[in-house]
Amino acid sequence: MSSYYERRMAQTRKPRVVEYYFGNLGLSAAESMPPSRLADFHRDTLKEIVTIAYNRCPFYTKKMNEAGVNPNHIRTLKDLCKMPFITKDELRGNPWALLACDKKDVSLVTVSTGTTGGEQIYIPNSWRDYILNDMTPRYPKLFPVDPGDICVDALPYEMSSAGLAFHKTFMDACLATVVAAGKGGAYSTPEKTVKVMKDLRPNIVITTPSWAISIAEAAEQAGFDLTSLNLKKMWLTGEGCSNSFRSRVEKIWGATANMYYGSLECGGIGIECDAHEGYHILQGHAIIEIVNPATGEVLEPGEIGEIVVTCPLRFDTPIIRYRTMDLGYIDTIPCKCGVGAPRLFLRGRLVDQMNILGNSFSPFYLEEFLMRFPELGNWYQFVVRKDRDDYLKIRAELAKGVKPSRELEEKIRSKMEFATGISCKVELLEQMPRTAQKAIRVIYEEG
């Protein structure tokens, strides 16, 4: 029996660098930690993680040797740029690539959604890495969940990191009540989620933007007014969306909806405050660089590039300079909400960018204007041709009670072209297919 408890203690013991900087305060202290002390923490934990990766993980040993760098080269935080990048393609189909501990210390393996194509990515977690680097760290100002709150977790649980991570945070870090609603599983239907909400009256909901609409449609069918819940907080994650789409969700649910930015590989990265002016970087859990996607050069604040993440709390499966394939920029000007963390502004994903007439467009840039048409519903697709860069079709569902017409098609076409500079065709449908997976906004068609 004693060996069991000894092993459990060893599995969950915080690394010394974490104990030194956070002690008994918990990682939420990062939310108000002075920038100089936070920088010291990043420097010291980076040194330790790089040393572990080099000595215990053949994947990193090989990459560092090829780059001509070793742990002795990491003396300050600025030396992070000496480390080689890691990419999604390097992790695909290689479940144990990042492992820097014994396999018997792995407690959880989560799997990528596959939306970026290619083979699956597996992320193993030891107990201590999972507890420290959980996707939803406890940041009281940005993630105000308290004992007595009833939280509907309408995110995928099967193989995913999302549902499980928020589940643990609601229960363990926030001491709140969690309802494991799930998303798109065998039992996780919108209709059942609505029934659960009618019975339990939750005051917090976390889900994806498109699933929030699917639940809303089921609520309408059931005659249930979602605004009657008087939600304390609502978070949207797992998919991006424009402000105009988010506004639709907020109107339907009667709540302010803040976006949460994270990933399978990196965990929590940023959370919006109610001001909706960028994601406050979770500095206890993520070190962010913005780099030129073509050259890898580190860019200055305000410059748009690829988001690269280093996780300062992953010791057994290190994530060092991970290229997310997301685009964005950092703003260091303090937010009016009072949270001092720099803000990250997303500008779409490299793989989702639509190249039209030599210009690159994010689907959410176009969505922002499309969702301003009250005649349109909440489901749409941008259709592009693989053989032409001058072709864009907008396929959109009509709002309830609106009939299709040539006049409406022309109105949408002309206003979209005026707003975006892109000539397009418009196809209006009375109903489009729903999905329980991530909403696919860009469709590629053959000529």
Protein backbone atom coordinates (compact mmCIF):
# COMPACT_ATOMS: atom_id res chain seq x y z
CA MET A 1 0.00 0.00 0.00
CA SER A 2 2.81 2.40 0.89
CA SER A 3 4.46 1.88 -2.50
CA TYR A 4 1.19 2.93 -4.18
CA TYR A 5 1.06 6.20 -2.25
CA GLU A 6 4.75 6.83 -2.78
CA ARG A 7 4.25 6.41 -6.51
CA ARG A 8 1.22 8.69 -6.52
CA MET A 9 3.18 11.34 -4.62
CA ALA A 10 6.06 11.07 -7.08
CA GLN A 11 3.70 11.28 -10.07
CA THR A 12 2.01 14.47 -8.88
CA ARG A 13 4.92 16.28 -7.17
CA LYS A 14 5.48 19.75 -8.56
CA PRO A 15 8.90 20.45 -10.07
CA ARG A 16 11.11 22.62 -7.87
CA VAL A 17 11.01 25.55 -10.28
CA VAL A 18 7.20 25.63 -10.02
CA GLU A 19 7.29 25.37 -6.22
CA TYR A 20 9.83 28.19 -6.02
CA TYR A 21 7.84 30.67 -8.07
CA PHE A 22 4.29 29.72 -7.09
CA GLY A 23 4.52 27.87 -3.77
CA ASN A 24 1.07 27.40 -2.26
CA LEU A 25 -0.44 30.28 -4.24
CA GLY A 26 -1.36 28.08 -7.18
CA LEU A 27 -0.74 28.84 -10.83
CA SER A 28 -3.46 31.48 -10.79
CA ALA A 29 -0.81 33.75 -9.27
CA ALA A 30 0.53 34.20 -12.80
CA GLU A 31 -2.48 36.41 -13.51
CA SER A 32 -1.11 39.14 -11.23
CA MET A 33 2.59 38.25 -11.03
CA PRO A 34 4.97 41.17 -11.76
CA PRO A 35 6.35 40.94 -15.31
CA SER A 36 9.96 40.71 -14.11
CA ARG A 37 9.25 37.72 -11.86
CA LEU A 38 7.21 36.05 -14.58
CA ALA A 39 10.14 36.50 -16.99
CA ASP A 40 12.45 34.91 -14.40
CA PHE A 41 10.06 31.97 -14.11
CA HIS A 42 9.99 31.55 -17.88
CA ARG A 43 13.79 31.65 -18.03
CA ASP A 44 14.32 29.12 -15.26
CA THR A 45 11.63 26.68 -16.35
CA LEU A 46 12.86 26.90 -19.95
CA LYS A 47 16.35 25.90 -18.83
CA GLU A 48 14.98 22.91 -16.93
CA ILE A 49 12.65 21.75 -19.69
CA VAL A 50 15.31 22.04 -22.39
CA THR A 51 17.72 20.02 -20.22
CA ILE A 52 15.11 17.30 -19.66
CA ALA A 53 14.21 17.23 -23.36
CA TYR A 54 17.85 16.95 -24.45
CA ASN A 55 18.78 14.24 -21.95
CA ARG A 56 15.63 12.12 -21.98
CA CYS A 57 13.87 12.54 -25.32
CA PRO A 58 15.62 11.20 -28.47
CA PHE A 59 13.35 13.33 -30.67
CA TYR A 60 14.64 16.54 -29.08
CA THR A 61 18.22 15.27 -28.76
CA LYS A 62 18.36 14.72 -32.51
CA LYS A 63 16.73 18.07 -33.34
CA MET A 64 19.01 20.04 -31.01
CA ASN A 65 22.13 18.31 -32.27
CA GLU A 66 21.13 19.05 -35.85
CA ALA A 67 20.55 22.70 -34.91
CA GLY A 68 23.91 22.87 -33.09
CA VAL A 69 22.35 23.76 -29.75
CA ASN A 70 22.36 22.15 -26.32
CA PRO A 71 21.09 23.12 -22.84
CA ASN A 72 24.23 25.16 -22.13
CA HIS A 73 23.18 27.60 -24.85
CA ILE A 74 19.99 28.54 -22.96
CA ARG A 75 21.02 31.22 -20.46
CA THR A 76 18.26 33.80 -20.85
CA LEU A 77 14.72 33.81 -22.22
CA LYS A 78 16.02 35.50 -25.36
CA ASP A 79 17.93 32.30 -26.12
CA LEU A 80 14.63 30.54 -26.84
CA CYS A 81 15.01 31.55 -30.48
CA LYS A 82 18.10 29.31 -30.72
CA MET A 83 15.92 26.25 -30.26
CA PRO A 84 14.56 24.48 -33.36
CA PHE A 85 10.85 24.56 -34.12
CA ILE A 86 8.64 21.48 -33.89
CA THR A 87 5.76 21.02 -36.33
CA LYS A 88 2.52 19.11 -36.59
CA ASP A 89 3.92 16.92 -39.37
CA GLU A 90 6.79 15.77 -37.14
CA LEU A 91 4.29 14.53 -34.56
CA ARG A 92 1.82 12.84 -36.90
CA GLY A 93 1.74 9.07 -36.54
CA ASN A 94 4.48 9.14 -33.88
CA PRO A 95 2.63 8.74 -30.55
CA TRP A 96 5.68 8.79 -28.28
CA ALA A 97 7.81 11.41 -30.07
CA LEU A 98 7.71 13.88 -27.17
CA LEU A 99 8.09 11.38 -24.34
CA ALA A 100 10.76 12.32 -21.80
CA CYS A 101 9.61 9.95 -19.06
CA ASP A 102 8.87 6.25 -18.67
CA LYS A 103 5.73 5.04 -20.46
CA LYS A 104 4.40 3.72 -17.17
CA ASP A 105 4.19 7.32 -15.96
CA VAL A 106 1.78 8.26 -18.76
CA SER A 107 -1.74 8.61 -17.39
CA LEU A 108 -3.67 10.00 -20.36
CA VAL A 109 -3.33 10.08 -24.14
CA THR A 110 -5.45 12.47 -26.20
CA VAL A 111 -5.83 12.55 -29.98
CA SER A 112 -6.11 15.34 -32.55
CA THR A 113 -9.39 16.07 -34.30
CA GLY A 114 -7.82 15.64 -37.73
CA THR A 115 -9.18 18.91 -39.11
CA THR A 116 -5.77 19.93 -40.45
CA GLY A 117 -5.37 16.69 -42.42
CA GLY A 118 -2.72 13.99 -42.32
CA GLU A 119 -2.20 11.33 -39.69
CA GLN A 120 -3.42 11.83 -36.14
CA ILE A 121 -1.35 13.53 -33.48
CA TYR A 122 -1.14 11.86 -30.08
CA ILE A 123 -0.30 13.83 -26.96
CA PRO A 124 0.60 11.71 -23.91
CA ASN A 125 0.34 13.28 -20.45
CA SER A 126 1.98 12.26 -17.22
CA TRP A 127 -0.03 13.05 -14.09
CA ARG A 128 2.08 16.07 -13.21
CA ASP A 129 2.03 17.50 -16.72
CA TYR A 130 -1.73 17.05 -16.95
CA ILE A 131 -2.37 18.65 -13.57
CA LEU A 132 -0.01 21.57 -14.23
CA ASN A 133 -0.70 22.17 -17.91
CA ASP A 134 -4.40 21.38 -18.00
CA MET A 135 -6.13 23.11 -20.89
CA THR A 136 -8.16 25.41 -18.63
CA PRO A 137 -5.94 26.75 -15.87
CA ARG A 138 -7.58 28.56 -12.96
CA TYR A 139 -7.32 32.28 -13.68
CA PRO A 140 -9.93 33.91 -11.40
CA LYS A 141 -10.35 37.19 -13.31
CA LEU A 142 -10.46 35.63 -16.76
CA PHE A 143 -12.17 32.37 -15.80
CA PRO A 144 -14.46 33.27 -12.88
CA VAL A 145 -16.04 29.95 -11.92
CA ASP A 146 -16.88 29.36 -8.27
CA PRO A 147 -18.30 26.73 -5.90
CA GLY A 148 -22.04 26.43 -6.48
CA ASP A 149 -21.82 27.19 -10.19
CA ILE A 150 -23.37 24.54 -12.44
CA CYS A 151 -21.28 24.21 -15.60
CA VAL A 152 -22.44 22.54 -18.81
CA ASP A 153 -19.35 21.18 -20.57
CA ALA A 154 -20.63 20.75 -24.13
CA LEU A 155 -17.27 19.92 -25.70
CA PRO A 156 -16.10 16.60 -27.16
CA TYR A 157 -14.91 14.00 -24.67
CA GLU A 158 -14.07 11.05 -26.93
CA MET A 159 -10.28 11.05 -27.50
CA SER A 160 -10.26 14.85 -27.28
CA SER A 161 -8.45 16.96 -24.72
CA ALA A 162 -11.16 19.64 -24.62
CA GLY A 163 -14.05 18.14 -22.68
CA LEU A 164 -11.84 16.31 -20.18
CA ALA A 165 -9.66 19.34 -19.49
CA PHE A 166 -12.52 21.72 -18.74
CA HIS A 167 -14.29 18.95 -16.79
CA LYS A 168 -11.30 18.63 -14.47
CA THR A 169 -10.90 22.37 -14.06
CA PHE A 170 -14.55 22.96 -13.18
CA MET A 171 -14.45 20.18 -10.57
CA ASP A 172 -10.92 20.33 -9.22
CA ALA A 173 -9.65 23.88 -9.67
CA CYS A 174 -12.96 25.74 -9.34
CA LEU A 175 -14.81 23.36 -6.98
CA ALA A 176 -17.90 23.83 -9.14
CA THR A 177 -20.49 21.35 -10.40
CA VAL A 178 -19.88 20.02 -13.90
CA VAL A 179 -22.43 18.48 -16.26
CA ALA A 180 -20.64 16.26 -18.77
CA ALA A 181 -22.89 17.12 -21.71
CA GLY A 182 -20.30 16.36 -24.38
CA LYS A 183 -20.65 17.21 -28.05
CA GLY A 184 -21.66 14.99 -30.92
CA GLY A 185 -21.17 11.65 -29.16
CA ALA A 186 -23.57 8.72 -29.06
CA TYR A 187 -25.53 10.35 -26.22
CA SER A 188 -24.44 13.96 -26.66
CA THR A 189 -27.24 15.22 -28.87
CA PRO A 190 -28.43 18.82 -28.83
CA GLU A 191 -31.88 17.62 -27.80
CA LYS A 192 -30.56 15.81 -24.73
CA THR A 193 -28.39 18.76 -23.79
CA VAL A 194 -31.45 21.01 -23.88
CA LYS A 195 -33.37 18.60 -21.63
CA VAL A 196 -30.48 18.54 -19.16
CA MET A 197 -30.34 22.33 -19.09
CA LYS A 198 -34.09 22.61 -18.52
CA ASP A 199 -33.79 20.24 -15.55
CA LEU A 200 -30.55 21.46 -13.96
CA ARG A 201 -30.63 25.19 -14.80
CA PRO A 202 -26.88 25.72 -15.30
CA ASN A 203 -25.38 29.18 -15.06
CA ILE A 204 -22.19 28.47 -17.05
CA VAL A 205 -21.83 26.93 -20.52
CA ILE A 206 -18.75 26.14 -22.56
CA THR A 207 -19.05 24.85 -26.12
CA THR A 208 -18.04 25.58 -29.71
CA PRO A 209 -19.62 28.40 -31.74
CA SER A 210 -21.38 26.05 -34.17
CA TRP A 211 -22.58 23.68 -31.43
CA ALA A 212 -24.01 26.66 -29.54
CA ILE A 213 -26.22 27.20 -32.60
CA SER A 214 -27.14 23.50 -32.81
CA ILE A 215 -28.21 23.53 -29.15
CA ALA A 216 -30.16 26.74 -29.77
CA GLU A 217 -32.03 25.16 -32.68
CA ALA A 218 -32.95 22.17 -30.49
CA ALA A 219 -34.08 24.55 -27.73
CA GLU A 220 -36.34 26.38 -30.16
CA GLN A 221 -37.87 23.07 -31.25
CA ALA A 222 -38.47 22.20 -27.59
CA GLY A 223 -39.99 25.61 -26.85
CA PHE A 224 -37.22 26.42 -24.34
CA ASP A 225 -35.94 29.99 -24.09
CA LEU A 226 -32.19 29.85 -23.48
CA THR A 227 -32.15 33.41 -22.18
CA SER A 228 -34.20 32.18 -19.20
CA LEU A 229 -31.02 30.52 -17.86
CA ASN A 230 -29.53 33.95 -17.08
CA LEU A 231 -26.05 32.59 -17.65
CA LYS A 232 -23.25 33.98 -15.51
CA LYS A 233 -20.63 33.14 -18.14
CA MET A 234 -20.38 31.53 -21.55
CA TRP A 235 -17.18 30.50 -23.29
CA LEU A 236 -16.73 29.49 -26.91
CA THR A 237 -13.73 27.43 -27.98
CA GLY A 238 -12.61 24.71 -30.39
CA GLU A 239 -13.44 26.79 -33.46
CA GLY A 240 -12.88 30.38 -34.44
CA CYS A 241 -15.66 32.77 -35.34
CA SER A 242 -16.14 36.40 -36.23
CA ASN A 243 -17.53 39.03 -33.89
CA SER A 244 -20.76 39.18 -35.89
CA PHE A 245 -21.28 35.41 -35.51
CA ARG A 246 -20.47 35.67 -31.81
CA SER A 247 -23.07 38.46 -31.52
CA ARG A 248 -25.68 36.09 -32.91
CA VAL A 249 -24.78 33.50 -30.28
CA GLU A 250 -24.95 36.12 -27.52
CA LYS A 251 -28.39 37.31 -28.63
CA ILE A 252 -29.80 33.78 -28.75
CA TRP A 253 -28.35 32.76 -25.38
CA GLY A 254 -28.76 36.11 -23.64
CA ALA A 255 -25.18 36.08 -22.37
CA THR A 256 -21.76 37.56 -23.07
CA ALA A 257 -19.72 34.92 -24.89
CA ASN A 258 -15.95 35.07 -24.45
CA MET A 259 -13.57 33.10 -26.66
CA TYR A 260 -11.01 30.67 -25.25
CA TYR A 261 -7.91 29.79 -27.29
CA GLY A 262 -6.07 26.53 -26.74
CA SER A 263 -4.95 23.41 -28.55
CA LEU A 264 -4.44 19.69 -28.04
CA GLU A 265 -0.68 20.05 -28.17
CA CYS A 266 -0.23 23.19 -26.05
CA GLY A 267 -3.22 23.32 -23.72
CA GLY A 268 -4.45 26.75 -22.65
CA ILE A 269 -3.02 29.74 -24.51
CA GLY A 270 -5.37 32.71 -24.08
CA ILE A 271 -8.76 33.84 -22.76
CA GLU A 272 -10.82 36.85 -23.75
CA CYS A 273 -12.14 39.23 -21.14
CA ASP A 274 -15.56 40.88 -21.54
CA ALA A 275 -13.97 43.69 -23.56
CA HIS A 276 -13.44 41.26 -26.46
CA GLU A 277 -10.22 42.98 -27.42
CA GLY A 278 -7.86 40.05 -27.86
CA TYR A 279 -6.96 36.96 -25.87
CA HIS A 280 -5.08 37.59 -22.64
CA ILE A 281 -2.09 35.25 -22.83
CA LEU A 282 -2.06 32.70 -20.01
CA GLN A 283 1.54 33.49 -19.14
CA GLY A 284 1.81 30.82 -16.48
CA HIS A 285 1.03 28.22 -19.14
CA ALA A 286 2.30 29.55 -22.46
CA ILE A 287 5.32 31.45 -23.79
CA ILE A 288 4.29 32.99 -27.11
CA GLU A 289 6.41 34.03 -30.07
CA ILE A 290 5.17 35.42 -33.38
CA VAL A 291 7.37 34.37 -36.30
CA ASN A 292 7.53 34.96 -40.02
CA PRO A 293 5.92 31.79 -41.46
CA ALA A 294 8.42 31.69 -44.35
CA THR A 295 11.69 32.50 -42.57
CA GLY A 296 11.07 31.65 -38.91
CA GLU A 297 12.30 35.12 -37.88
CA VAL A 298 10.81 36.31 -34.58
CA LEU A 299 8.60 39.35 -35.17
CA GLU A 300 7.96 42.39 -33.00
CA PRO A 301 4.69 43.12 -31.14
CA GLY A 302 2.03 44.29 -33.61
CA GLU A 303 3.45 42.30 -36.54
CA ILE A 304 1.27 39.48 -37.88
CA GLY A 305 2.84 36.05 -38.20
CA GLU A 306 2.56 32.44 -37.11
CA ILE A 307 1.91 31.75 -33.44
CA VAL A 308 4.64 29.62 -31.83
CA VAL A 309 4.09 28.20 -28.35
CA THR A 310 6.45 26.89 -25.68
CA CYS A 311 4.79 25.30 -22.65
CA PRO A 312 6.59 26.20 -19.41
CA LEU A 313 4.74 23.50 -17.43
CA ARG A 314 5.28 20.41 -19.58
CA PHE A 315 8.26 18.51 -18.20
CA ASP A 316 7.57 14.89 -19.13
CA THR A 317 6.36 15.57 -22.68
CA PRO A 318 7.95 18.92 -23.51
CA ILE A 319 6.46 21.33 -26.04
CA ILE A 320 9.24 23.68 -27.17
CA ARG A 321 8.63 26.17 -30.00
CA TYR A 322 5.59 24.46 -31.46
CA ARG A 323 4.35 25.95 -34.71
CA THR A 324 0.57 26.13 -34.33
CA MET A 325 -0.20 27.09 -37.96
CA ASP A 326 -2.39 29.85 -36.49
CA LEU A 327 -1.82 33.47 -37.46
CA GLY A 328 -1.90 36.42 -35.10
CA TYR A 329 -0.08 39.26 -33.41
CA ILE A 330 0.67 40.43 -29.86
CA ASP A 331 -0.40 43.74 -28.34
CA THR A 332 1.48 44.74 -25.17
CA ILE A 333 -0.69 47.80 -24.40
CA PRO A 334 -2.62 47.14 -21.14
CA CYS A 335 -6.28 46.22 -21.57
CA LYS A 336 -8.96 48.41 -20.02
CA CYS A 337 -10.23 45.39 -18.05
CA GLY A 338 -7.27 45.61 -15.67
CA VAL A 339 -5.67 42.24 -16.48
CA GLY A 340 -2.05 43.05 -17.26
CA ALA A 341 -1.21 40.11 -19.52
CA PRO A 342 -0.34 40.94 -23.15
CA ARG A 343 -3.11 40.22 -25.63
CA LEU A 344 -3.02 37.90 -28.60
CA PHE A 345 -5.13 38.73 -31.66
CA LEU A 346 -5.90 35.82 -33.99
CA ARG A 347 -5.98 36.26 -37.74
CA GLY A 348 -7.05 32.81 -38.93
CA ARG A 349 -5.14 29.64 -39.73
CA LEU A 350 -2.52 29.11 -42.38
CA VAL A 351 -4.34 26.01 -43.65
CA ASP A 352 -7.70 27.80 -43.85
CA GLN A 353 -6.57 30.88 -45.74
CA MET A 354 -8.32 31.37 -49.08
CA ASN A 355 -6.06 32.61 -51.85
CA ILE A 356 -8.08 34.78 -54.23
CA LEU A 357 -6.49 36.89 -56.96
CA GLY A 358 -3.14 36.75 -55.22
CA ASN A 359 -4.47 37.80 -51.83
CA SER A 360 -4.92 35.68 -48.72
CA PHE A 361 -8.21 35.87 -46.81
CA SER A 362 -9.32 34.31 -43.54
CA PRO A 363 -12.83 32.81 -43.68
CA PHE A 364 -13.65 34.71 -40.48
CA TYR A 365 -12.87 38.00 -42.20
CA LEU A 366 -15.54 37.19 -44.78
CA GLU A 367 -17.85 35.74 -42.13
CA GLU A 368 -17.80 39.06 -40.28
CA PHE A 369 -19.60 40.75 -43.20
CA LEU A 370 -21.76 37.78 -44.18
CA MET A 371 -23.30 37.41 -40.72
CA ARG A 372 -24.43 41.05 -40.81
CA PHE A 373 -27.21 40.12 -43.24
CA PRO A 374 -30.37 39.50 -41.17
CA GLU A 375 -31.84 37.59 -44.13
CA LEU A 376 -29.26 34.83 -43.61
CA GLY A 377 -29.27 32.07 -41.03
CA ASN A 378 -26.29 30.74 -39.10
CA TRP A 379 -24.95 28.14 -41.52
CA TYR A 380 -22.80 28.84 -44.53
CA GLN A 381 -19.79 27.70 -46.58
CA PHE A 382 -17.24 29.46 -48.74
CA VAL A 383 -16.65 27.38 -51.86
CA VAL A 384 -13.39 27.87 -53.75
CA ARG A 385 -12.04 26.09 -56.82
CA LYS A 386 -8.71 24.27 -56.74
CA ASP A 387 -7.94 25.19 -60.34
CA ARG A 388 -8.80 28.92 -60.15
CA ASP A 389 -7.89 31.73 -57.80
CA ASP A 390 -10.60 34.07 -59.05
CA TYR A 391 -13.57 31.97 -57.94
CA LEU A 392 -15.58 32.26 -54.72
CA LYS A 393 -19.07 31.04 -54.08
CA ILE A 394 -20.97 31.84 -50.91
CA ARG A 395 -23.38 29.07 -50.01
CA ALA A 396 -25.65 30.21 -47.20
CA GLU A 397 -28.81 29.17 -45.40
CA LEU A 398 -31.69 31.62 -45.30
CA ALA A 399 -33.07 32.91 -42.04
CA LYS A 400 -36.36 31.47 -40.89
CA GLY A 401 -39.25 32.81 -42.97
CA VAL A 402 -37.04 34.32 -45.70
CA LYS A 403 -37.57 33.10 -49.27
CA PRO A 404 -34.79 32.90 -51.86
CA SER A 405 -34.78 35.43 -54.69
CA ARG A 406 -32.50 36.78 -57.37
CA GLU A 407 -32.81 40.21 -55.79
CA LEU A 408 -31.53 38.93 -52.44
CA GLU A 409 -28.66 37.06 -54.10
CA GLU A 410 -27.64 40.24 -55.91
CA LYS A 411 -27.90 42.32 -52.72
CA ILE A 412 -25.59 39.95 -50.83
CA ARG A 413 -23.20 39.62 -53.76
CA SER A 414 -22.81 43.35 -54.30
CA LYS A 415 -22.49 44.25 -50.61
CA MET A 416 -19.93 41.47 -49.99
CA GLU A 417 -17.91 42.66 -52.97
CA PHE A 418 -18.05 46.26 -51.75
CA ALA A 419 -17.00 45.25 -48.21
CA THR A 420 -14.24 42.78 -49.11
CA GLY A 421 -13.18 43.62 -52.65
CA ILE A 422 -13.90 40.03 -53.72
CA SER A 423 -16.26 39.22 -56.58
CA CYS A 424 -18.39 36.20 -55.72
CA LYS A 425 -21.42 34.10 -56.58
CA VAL A 426 -24.20 33.51 -54.06
CA GLU A 427 -26.22 30.33 -53.56
CA LEU A 428 -29.11 30.57 -51.09
CA LEU A 429 -30.54 27.42 -49.52
CA GLU A 430 -33.50 26.88 -47.23
CA GLN A 431 -31.47 24.42 -45.15
CA MET A 432 -27.85 23.29 -45.01
CA PRO A 433 -26.46 20.10 -43.40
CA ARG A 434 -25.57 20.26 -39.70
CA THR A 435 -22.43 18.74 -38.23
CA ALA A 436 -21.53 17.41 -34.80
CA GLN A 437 -17.85 17.86 -35.63
CA LYS A 438 -15.92 21.08 -36.16
CA ALA A 439 -17.74 23.29 -38.60
CA ILE A 440 -15.98 23.34 -41.98
CA ARG A 441 -16.30 26.86 -43.39
CA VAL A 442 -14.15 26.49 -46.53
CA ILE A 443 -14.93 23.85 -49.17
CA TYR A 444 -12.64 23.12 -52.09
CA GLU A 445 -14.23 21.89 -55.32
CA GLU A 446 -12.70 20.47 -58.46
CA GLY A 447 -13.14 22.38 -61.71
